[in-house]
Amino acid sequence: MSEHHPAKFSSDAGRAIRAMPPHVREQLRNALEKAETDPHSWPQADRYDADPTVRVVTTADAIVHYAVLPGRLWVFAALEL
């Protein structure tokens, strides 16, 4: 069984997500729950990036970037499309 990595949010990312419509927040919640149980389930943010810890979540209505840190995910950017 994989280790659970709870998501922590930067203040900017948290503010951006709270300002999104409820259906967009629900999409992100579902996607981040997947990431918490399997942090590498989402692709690297940049396929040429030398840092494999930075990942990107894409939904129909939003994009979120997070870093996989020991025991947690650091959500540092969020954008509604």
C-alpha atoms as a PDB file:
ATOM      1  CA  MET A   1       0.000   0.000   0.000  1.00  0.00           C
ATOM      2  CA  SER A   2       1.344   3.423  -0.896  1.00  0.00           C
ATOM      3  CA  GLU A   3       2.018   6.155   1.607  1.00  0.00           C
ATOM      4  CA  HIS A   4      -0.580   8.916   1.948  1.00  0.00           C
ATOM      5  CA  HIS A   5       0.758  12.380   1.049  1.00  0.00           C
ATOM      6  CA  PRO A   6      -1.662  15.022   2.368  1.00  0.00           C
ATOM      7  CA  ALA A   7      -1.851  18.147   0.226  1.00  0.00           C
ATOM      8  CA  LYS A   8      -0.792  21.473   1.690  1.00  0.00           C
ATOM      9  CA  PHE A   9      -1.540  24.688  -0.178  1.00  0.00           C
ATOM     10  CA  SER A  10       0.362  27.926  -0.632  1.00  0.00           C
ATOM     11  CA  SER A  11      -1.720  30.937   0.329  1.00  0.00           C
ATOM     12  CA  ASP A  12      -1.953  32.050  -3.320  1.00  0.00           C
ATOM     13  CA  ALA A  13      -3.067  28.622  -4.544  1.00  0.00           C
ATOM     14  CA  GLY A  14      -5.581  28.303  -1.706  1.00  0.00           C
ATOM     15  CA  ARG A  15      -7.052  31.721  -2.479  1.00  0.00           C
ATOM     16  CA  ALA A  16      -7.289  30.914  -6.185  1.00  0.00           C
ATOM     17  CA  ILE A  17      -9.045  27.603  -5.526  1.00  0.00           C
ATOM     18  CA  ARG A  18     -11.501  29.137  -3.037  1.00  0.00           C
ATOM     19  CA  ALA A  19     -12.471  31.708  -5.704  1.00  0.00           C
ATOM     20  CA  MET A  20     -13.313  28.995  -8.254  1.00  0.00           C
ATOM     21  CA  PRO A  21     -16.900  27.814  -8.816  1.00  0.00           C
ATOM     22  CA  PRO A  22     -17.999  24.786  -6.771  1.00  0.00           C
ATOM     23  CA  HIS A  23     -17.929  22.354  -9.716  1.00  0.00           C
ATOM     24  CA  VAL A  24     -14.309  23.300 -10.491  1.00  0.00           C
ATOM     25  CA  ARG A  25     -13.295  22.884  -6.834  1.00  0.00           C
ATOM     26  CA  GLU A  26     -14.936  19.445  -6.849  1.00  0.00           C
ATOM     27  CA  GLN A  27     -12.945  18.407  -9.929  1.00  0.00           C
ATOM     28  CA  LEU A  28      -9.738  19.537  -8.226  1.00  0.00           C
ATOM     29  CA  ARG A  29     -10.624  17.833  -4.953  1.00  0.00           C
ATOM     30  CA  ASN A  30     -11.107  14.520  -6.771  1.00  0.00           C
ATOM     31  CA  ALA A  31      -7.867  14.940  -8.718  1.00  0.00           C
ATOM     32  CA  LEU A  32      -5.848  15.894  -5.639  1.00  0.00           C
ATOM     33  CA  GLU A  33      -7.239  12.951  -3.682  1.00  0.00           C
ATOM     34  CA  LYS A  34      -5.809  10.731  -6.421  1.00  0.00           C
ATOM     35  CA  ALA A  35      -2.487  12.562  -6.134  1.00  0.00           C
ATOM     36  CA  GLU A  36      -2.439  12.158  -2.343  1.00  0.00           C
ATOM     37  CA  THR A  37      -2.537   8.376  -2.684  1.00  0.00           C
ATOM     38  CA  ASP A  38      -0.303   8.207  -5.780  1.00  0.00           C
ATOM     39  CA  PRO A  39       1.753  11.421  -6.067  1.00  0.00           C
ATOM     40  CA  HIS A  40       3.325  10.403  -9.361  1.00  0.00           C
ATOM     41  CA  SER A  41      -0.014   9.599 -11.026  1.00  0.00           C
ATOM     42  CA  TRP A  42      -0.021  13.006 -12.723  1.00  0.00           C
ATOM     43  CA  PRO A  43       2.587  13.950 -15.336  1.00  0.00           C
ATOM     44  CA  GLN A  44       5.635  16.095 -14.739  1.00  0.00           C
ATOM     45  CA  ALA A  45       4.957  19.784 -15.179  1.00  0.00           C
ATOM     46  CA  ASP A  46       7.566  20.006 -17.914  1.00  0.00           C
ATOM     47  CA  ARG A  47       8.850  16.924 -19.663  1.00  0.00           C
ATOM     48  CA  TYR A  48      12.249  18.608 -20.021  1.00  0.00           C
ATOM     49  CA  ASP A  49      12.376  19.615 -16.361  1.00  0.00           C
ATOM     50  CA  ALA A  50      15.250  18.051 -14.450  1.00  0.00           C
ATOM     51  CA  ASP A  51      13.118  17.999 -11.278  1.00  0.00           C
ATOM     52  CA  PRO A  52      10.700  15.032 -11.402  1.00  0.00           C
ATOM     53  CA  THR A  53       8.960  16.139  -8.190  1.00  0.00           C
ATOM     54  CA  VAL A  54       6.925  18.913  -9.874  1.00  0.00           C
ATOM     55  CA  ARG A  55       3.638  17.592 -11.253  1.00  0.00           C
ATOM     56  CA  VAL A  56       0.643  19.101 -12.999  1.00  0.00           C
ATOM     57  CA  VAL A  57      -3.032  18.250 -12.513  1.00  0.00           C
ATOM     58  CA  THR A  58      -5.303  19.167 -15.386  1.00  0.00           C
ATOM     59  CA  THR A  59      -9.077  19.011 -15.288  1.00  0.00           C
ATOM     60  CA  ALA A  60     -11.650  20.285 -17.753  1.00  0.00           C
ATOM     61  CA  ASP A  61     -11.701  23.640 -15.979  1.00  0.00           C
ATOM     62  CA  ALA A  62      -8.453  24.111 -14.049  1.00  0.00           C
ATOM     63  CA  ILE A  63      -4.738  23.452 -13.802  1.00  0.00           C
ATOM     64  CA  VAL A  64      -2.829  22.896 -10.550  1.00  0.00           C
ATOM     65  CA  HIS A  65       0.900  22.458 -10.002  1.00  0.00           C
ATOM     66  CA  TYR A  66       2.297  20.617  -6.994  1.00  0.00           C
ATOM     67  CA  ALA A  67       5.623  19.352  -5.738  1.00  0.00           C
ATOM     68  CA  VAL A  68       6.048  15.908  -4.202  1.00  0.00           C
ATOM     69  CA  LEU A  69       7.859  16.416  -0.900  1.00  0.00           C
ATOM     70  CA  PRO A  70       8.652  13.815   1.771  1.00  0.00           C
ATOM     71  CA  GLY A  71       5.261  12.825   3.181  1.00  0.00           C
ATOM     72  CA  ARG A  72       3.216  15.581   1.543  1.00  0.00           C
ATOM     73  CA  LEU A  73       2.262  17.454  -1.597  1.00  0.00           C
ATOM     74  CA  TRP A  74       2.904  21.183  -1.846  1.00  0.00           C
ATOM     75  CA  VAL A  75       0.264  22.790  -4.099  1.00  0.00           C
ATOM     76  CA  PHE A  76       1.856  26.039  -5.196  1.00  0.00           C
ATOM     77  CA  ALA A  77      -0.140  27.196  -8.234  1.00  0.00           C
ATOM     78  CA  ALA A  78      -3.765  27.001  -9.347  1.00  0.00           C
ATOM     79  CA  LEU A  79      -5.467  28.494 -12.382  1.00  0.00           C
ATOM     80  CA  GLU A  80      -9.054  28.313 -13.585  1.00  0.00           C
ATOM     81  CA  LEU A  81      -9.308  27.937 -17.352  1.00  0.00           C
END
